[in-house]
Amino acid sequence: AVAEPLLIREYCLQAVDEELNAAVSALLARLMTFQDKVYAHDPAKAHAKRRLVVGLREAGRSLRTSRAKMVIVAHNVEQVGAPGALDDMVEDVLKLSKVKYNPMVEKHPDIELEEREEAVPIVFAHTRRSLSKALRRQLRSSVAAILNYDGANAEFKHVASLAAERRGARGAR
């Protein structure tokens, strides 16, 4: 059962299927369980030691500060062509996964950004609605960035390997 091809946008660089979606859901559920346990014990500490963040702005911020270990992007983010809108924000997230952020770029756009030693893996999985369900959120979510995957290493590696396989399958088409 492959996701509906009409919903997959051009920025999606890998094939999307149910196996990958299930693996991403398992990873997110495990991380959310850990996060909920810490929150129940001490809410202030839970905010300081978040395991994941949700949303384009938060994901971009975590990539700028090099805290993100993996970014999960819904494959059907709305298409809005206005400058600074969703399309530009998704492009920024994809670009920041490959290059180190330099705050001087905003004042001096001619500065070239330095490549990361190892790119942050981007996983395209779920629709916005199903990603929100996996995150147990009411509002639709487009992006989630994983900051700390301790305790869910096996799930993290499984998702990363599935995404790498799917990236190769998408390129073969």
C-alpha atoms as a PDB file:
ATOM      1  CA  ALA A   1       0.000   0.000   0.000  1.00  0.00           C
ATOM      2  CA  VAL A   2       1.793   3.075  -1.272  1.00  0.00           C
ATOM      3  CA  ALA A   3       0.736   6.597  -0.352  1.00  0.00           C
ATOM      4  CA  GLU A   4      -1.350   8.332  -2.973  1.00  0.00           C
ATOM      5  CA  PRO A   5       1.072   9.733  -5.579  1.00  0.00           C
ATOM      6  CA  LEU A   6      -0.979  12.896  -6.041  1.00  0.00           C
ATOM      7  CA  LEU A   7      -0.224  13.901  -2.457  1.00  0.00           C
ATOM      8  CA  ILE A   8       3.553  13.604  -2.775  1.00  0.00           C
ATOM      9  CA  ARG A   9       5.116  16.995  -3.442  1.00  0.00           C
ATOM     10  CA  GLU A  10       8.216  17.676  -5.549  1.00  0.00           C
ATOM     11  CA  TYR A  11      10.445  18.318  -2.521  1.00  0.00           C
ATOM     12  CA  CYS A  12       9.980  14.696  -1.399  1.00  0.00           C
ATOM     13  CA  LEU A  13      13.255  12.961  -2.284  1.00  0.00           C
ATOM     14  CA  GLN A  14      12.272   9.410  -1.388  1.00  0.00           C
ATOM     15  CA  ALA A  15       9.540   6.861  -1.926  1.00  0.00           C
ATOM     16  CA  VAL A  16       6.898   6.748   0.823  1.00  0.00           C
ATOM     17  CA  ASP A  17       5.171   3.541   1.893  1.00  0.00           C
ATOM     18  CA  GLU A  18       3.321   1.985   4.825  1.00  0.00           C
ATOM     19  CA  GLU A  19       6.385   0.182   6.214  1.00  0.00           C
ATOM     20  CA  LEU A  20       8.271   3.468   6.566  1.00  0.00           C
ATOM     21  CA  ASN A  21       5.217   5.196   8.048  1.00  0.00           C
ATOM     22  CA  ALA A  22       4.820   2.402  10.615  1.00  0.00           C
ATOM     23  CA  ALA A  23       8.501   2.601  11.583  1.00  0.00           C
ATOM     24  CA  VAL A  24       8.310   6.396  11.961  1.00  0.00           C
ATOM     25  CA  SER A  25       5.137   6.051  14.061  1.00  0.00           C
ATOM     26  CA  ALA A  26       6.882   3.521  16.340  1.00  0.00           C
ATOM     27  CA  LEU A  27       9.880   5.840  16.765  1.00  0.00           C
ATOM     28  CA  LEU A  28       7.701   8.863  17.523  1.00  0.00           C
ATOM     29  CA  ALA A  29       5.525   6.872  19.947  1.00  0.00           C
ATOM     30  CA  ARG A  30       8.611   5.697  21.834  1.00  0.00           C
ATOM     31  CA  LEU A  31      10.057   9.209  22.043  1.00  0.00           C
ATOM     32  CA  MET A  32       6.697  10.676  23.102  1.00  0.00           C
ATOM     33  CA  THR A  33       6.447   8.051  25.871  1.00  0.00           C
ATOM     34  CA  PHE A  34       9.869   9.031  27.195  1.00  0.00           C
ATOM     35  CA  GLN A  35       8.952  12.710  26.960  1.00  0.00           C
ATOM     36  CA  ASP A  36       5.666  12.171  28.796  1.00  0.00           C
ATOM     37  CA  LYS A  37       7.430  10.327  31.631  1.00  0.00           C
ATOM     38  CA  VAL A  38       9.855  13.199  32.158  1.00  0.00           C
ATOM     39  CA  TYR A  39       7.016  15.726  31.951  1.00  0.00           C
ATOM     40  CA  ALA A  40       4.983  13.852  34.577  1.00  0.00           C
ATOM     41  CA  HIS A  41       7.985  13.837  36.897  1.00  0.00           C
ATOM     42  CA  ASP A  42       9.160  17.447  36.391  1.00  0.00           C
ATOM     43  CA  PRO A  43       7.578  19.757  33.739  1.00  0.00           C
ATOM     44  CA  ALA A  44      10.392  22.341  33.878  1.00  0.00           C
ATOM     45  CA  LYS A  45      13.037  19.695  33.244  1.00  0.00           C
ATOM     46  CA  ALA A  46      10.948  18.188  30.434  1.00  0.00           C
ATOM     47  CA  HIS A  47      11.010  21.467  28.509  1.00  0.00           C
ATOM     48  CA  ALA A  48      14.773  21.791  28.918  1.00  0.00           C
ATOM     49  CA  LYS A  49      15.426  18.191  27.843  1.00  0.00           C
ATOM     50  CA  ARG A  50      13.000  17.804  24.979  1.00  0.00           C
ATOM     51  CA  ARG A  51      13.384  14.756  22.776  1.00  0.00           C
ATOM     52  CA  LEU A  52      11.623  16.232  19.765  1.00  0.00           C
ATOM     53  CA  VAL A  53      10.157  19.472  18.515  1.00  0.00           C
ATOM     54  CA  VAL A  54       7.245  19.954  16.152  1.00  0.00           C
ATOM     55  CA  GLY A  55       6.735  22.576  13.470  1.00  0.00           C
ATOM     56  CA  LEU A  56       8.687  24.222  10.687  1.00  0.00           C
ATOM     57  CA  ARG A  57      10.037  27.063  12.818  1.00  0.00           C
ATOM     58  CA  GLU A  58      11.119  24.798  15.666  1.00  0.00           C
ATOM     59  CA  ALA A  59      12.729  22.322  13.264  1.00  0.00           C
ATOM     60  CA  GLY A  60      14.587  25.159  11.532  1.00  0.00           C
ATOM     61  CA  ARG A  61      15.739  26.504  14.884  1.00  0.00           C
ATOM     62  CA  SER A  62      17.016  23.078  15.972  1.00  0.00           C
ATOM     63  CA  LEU A  63      18.900  22.691  12.672  1.00  0.00           C
ATOM     64  CA  ARG A  64      20.450  26.151  13.038  1.00  0.00           C
ATOM     65  CA  THR A  65      21.728  25.240  16.501  1.00  0.00           C
ATOM     66  CA  SER A  66      22.834  21.766  15.300  1.00  0.00           C
ATOM     67  CA  ARG A  67      20.649  19.982  17.856  1.00  0.00           C
ATOM     68  CA  ALA A  68      18.503  18.009  15.381  1.00  0.00           C
ATOM     69  CA  LYS A  69      19.512  14.395  14.786  1.00  0.00           C
ATOM     70  CA  MET A  70      16.756  13.642  12.249  1.00  0.00           C
ATOM     71  CA  VAL A  71      13.940  15.601  10.643  1.00  0.00           C
ATOM     72  CA  ILE A  72      10.633  13.999   9.663  1.00  0.00           C
ATOM     73  CA  VAL A  73       8.716  15.904   6.976  1.00  0.00           C
ATOM     74  CA  ALA A  74       5.158  15.213   5.825  1.00  0.00           C
ATOM     75  CA  HIS A  75       5.061  14.592   2.100  1.00  0.00           C
ATOM     76  CA  ASN A  76       1.987  16.755   1.503  1.00  0.00           C
ATOM     77  CA  VAL A  77       2.789  20.177   2.982  1.00  0.00           C
ATOM     78  CA  GLU A  78       0.442  22.758   1.489  1.00  0.00           C
ATOM     79  CA  GLN A  79       1.715  24.614  -1.544  1.00  0.00           C
ATOM     80  CA  VAL A  80       1.866  28.349  -0.826  1.00  0.00           C
ATOM     81  CA  GLY A  81       3.948  30.344  -3.287  1.00  0.00           C
ATOM     82  CA  ALA A  82       4.164  33.628  -1.367  1.00  0.00           C
ATOM     83  CA  PRO A  83       7.672  34.678  -0.272  1.00  0.00           C
ATOM     84  CA  GLY A  84       8.530  33.382   3.209  1.00  0.00           C
ATOM     85  CA  ALA A  85       5.579  30.983   3.164  1.00  0.00           C
ATOM     86  CA  LEU A  86       5.509  27.225   3.723  1.00  0.00           C
ATOM     87  CA  ASP A  87       7.396  26.305   0.544  1.00  0.00           C
ATOM     88  CA  ASP A  88      10.296  28.579   1.482  1.00  0.00           C
ATOM     89  CA  MET A  89      10.330  27.255   5.047  1.00  0.00           C
ATOM     90  CA  VAL A  90      10.447  23.632   3.837  1.00  0.00           C
ATOM     91  CA  GLU A  91      13.292  24.547   1.456  1.00  0.00           C
ATOM     92  CA  ASP A  92      15.162  26.176   4.354  1.00  0.00           C
ATOM     93  CA  VAL A  93      14.775  23.043   6.487  1.00  0.00           C
ATOM     94  CA  LEU A  94      16.018  20.861   3.639  1.00  0.00           C
ATOM     95  CA  LYS A  95      18.969  23.203   3.005  1.00  0.00           C
ATOM     96  CA  LEU A  96      19.890  23.505   6.697  1.00  0.00           C
ATOM     97  CA  SER A  97      20.067  19.717   6.952  1.00  0.00           C
ATOM     98  CA  LYS A  98      23.064  19.809   4.592  1.00  0.00           C
ATOM     99  CA  VAL A  99      24.889  23.016   5.594  1.00  0.00           C
ATOM    100  CA  LYS A 100      25.959  24.635   8.850  1.00  0.00           C
ATOM    101  CA  TYR A 101      24.078  27.811   9.663  1.00  0.00           C
ATOM    102  CA  ASN A 102      26.053  31.044   9.821  1.00  0.00           C
ATOM    103  CA  PRO A 103      24.152  34.004  11.340  1.00  0.00           C
ATOM    104  CA  MET A 104      26.209  36.448   9.265  1.00  0.00           C
ATOM    105  CA  VAL A 105      24.421  35.260   6.109  1.00  0.00           C
ATOM    106  CA  GLU A 106      21.432  37.445   6.945  1.00  0.00           C
ATOM    107  CA  LYS A 107      23.559  40.616   6.808  1.00  0.00           C
ATOM    108  CA  HIS A 108      25.954  39.405   4.099  1.00  0.00           C
ATOM    109  CA  PRO A 109      24.139  37.122   1.637  1.00  0.00           C
ATOM    110  CA  ASP A 110      27.303  36.596  -0.420  1.00  0.00           C
ATOM    111  CA  ILE A 111      28.848  34.438   2.351  1.00  0.00           C
ATOM    112  CA  GLU A 112      28.911  30.769   1.390  1.00  0.00           C
ATOM    113  CA  LEU A 113      27.615  28.285   3.934  1.00  0.00           C
ATOM    114  CA  GLU A 114      29.879  25.481   5.085  1.00  0.00           C
ATOM    115  CA  GLU A 115      28.810  21.886   4.397  1.00  0.00           C
ATOM    116  CA  ARG A 116      28.033  19.693   7.418  1.00  0.00           C
ATOM    117  CA  GLU A 117      30.425  16.823   8.021  1.00  0.00           C
ATOM    118  CA  GLU A 118      27.417  14.522   8.125  1.00  0.00           C
ATOM    119  CA  ALA A 119      24.053  15.686   6.831  1.00  0.00           C
ATOM    120  CA  VAL A 120      21.070  15.472   9.165  1.00  0.00           C
ATOM    121  CA  PRO A 121      18.830  12.709   7.785  1.00  0.00           C
ATOM    122  CA  ILE A 122      15.535  13.912   6.342  1.00  0.00           C
ATOM    123  CA  VAL A 123      12.736  11.354   6.336  1.00  0.00           C
ATOM    124  CA  PHE A 124       9.631  11.950   4.252  1.00  0.00           C
ATOM    125  CA  ALA A 125       6.808  10.013   5.860  1.00  0.00           C
ATOM    126  CA  HIS A 126       3.125  10.366   6.643  1.00  0.00           C
ATOM    127  CA  THR A 127       0.672  12.998   5.543  1.00  0.00           C
ATOM    128  CA  ARG A 128       0.251  16.078   7.715  1.00  0.00           C
ATOM    129  CA  ARG A 129      -2.810  14.527   9.327  1.00  0.00           C
ATOM    130  CA  SER A 130      -1.242  11.139  10.067  1.00  0.00           C
ATOM    131  CA  LEU A 131       1.965  12.772  11.347  1.00  0.00           C
ATOM    132  CA  SER A 132      -0.162  14.749  13.804  1.00  0.00           C
ATOM    133  CA  LYS A 133      -1.863  11.537  14.939  1.00  0.00           C
ATOM    134  CA  ALA A 134       1.518   9.878  15.462  1.00  0.00           C
ATOM    135  CA  LEU A 135       2.554  12.900  17.558  1.00  0.00           C
ATOM    136  CA  ARG A 136      -0.785  12.865  19.455  1.00  0.00           C
ATOM    137  CA  ARG A 137      -1.574  16.443  18.446  1.00  0.00           C
ATOM    138  CA  GLN A 138      -4.858  18.068  17.507  1.00  0.00           C
ATOM    139  CA  LEU A 139      -3.376  20.505  14.984  1.00  0.00           C
ATOM    140  CA  ARG A 140      -1.883  19.283  11.729  1.00  0.00           C
ATOM    141  CA  SER A 141       1.887  19.096  11.800  1.00  0.00           C
ATOM    142  CA  SER A 142       4.211  19.325   8.825  1.00  0.00           C
ATOM    143  CA  VAL A 143       7.594  18.659  10.420  1.00  0.00           C
ATOM    144  CA  ALA A 144       9.066  17.035  13.519  1.00  0.00           C
ATOM    145  CA  ALA A 145      12.742  17.224  14.471  1.00  0.00           C
ATOM    146  CA  ILE A 146      14.249  14.576  16.739  1.00  0.00           C
ATOM    147  CA  LEU A 147      16.717  16.097  19.186  1.00  0.00           C
ATOM    148  CA  ASN A 148      17.543  13.086  21.363  1.00  0.00           C
ATOM    149  CA  TYR A 149      16.852   9.465  20.514  1.00  0.00           C
ATOM    150  CA  ASP A 150      18.485   7.786  23.537  1.00  0.00           C
ATOM    151  CA  GLY A 151      16.486   4.697  24.466  1.00  0.00           C
ATOM    152  CA  ALA A 152      15.064   4.397  20.946  1.00  0.00           C
ATOM    153  CA  ASN A 153      18.332   3.686  19.130  1.00  0.00           C
ATOM    154  CA  ALA A 154      17.047   0.586  17.344  1.00  0.00           C
ATOM    155  CA  GLU A 155      13.945   2.381  16.050  1.00  0.00           C
ATOM    156  CA  PHE A 156      16.030   5.399  14.992  1.00  0.00           C
ATOM    157  CA  LYS A 157      18.504   3.266  13.037  1.00  0.00           C
ATOM    158  CA  HIS A 158      15.664   1.275  11.460  1.00  0.00           C
ATOM    159  CA  VAL A 159      13.923   4.447  10.251  1.00  0.00           C
ATOM    160  CA  ALA A 160      17.216   5.866   8.944  1.00  0.00           C
ATOM    161  CA  SER A 161      17.991   2.674   7.006  1.00  0.00           C
ATOM    162  CA  LEU A 162      14.454   2.442   5.570  1.00  0.00           C
ATOM    163  CA  ALA A 163      14.634   6.080   4.459  1.00  0.00           C
ATOM    164  CA  ALA A 164      18.021   5.511   2.800  1.00  0.00           C
ATOM    165  CA  GLU A 165      16.609   2.495   0.915  1.00  0.00           C
ATOM    166  CA  ARG A 166      13.562   4.495  -0.181  1.00  0.00           C
ATOM    167  CA  ARG A 167      15.770   7.365  -1.341  1.00  0.00           C
ATOM    168  CA  GLY A 168      17.538   4.952  -3.671  1.00  0.00           C
ATOM    169  CA  ALA A 169      14.199   3.561  -4.895  1.00  0.00           C
ATOM    170  CA  ARG A 170      12.875   7.045  -5.654  1.00  0.00           C
ATOM    171  CA  GLY A 171      16.030   7.921  -7.628  1.00  0.00           C
ATOM    172  CA  ALA A 172      15.669   4.744  -9.738  1.00  0.00           C
ATOM    173  CA  ARG A 173      12.292   5.860 -11.082  1.00  0.00           C
END
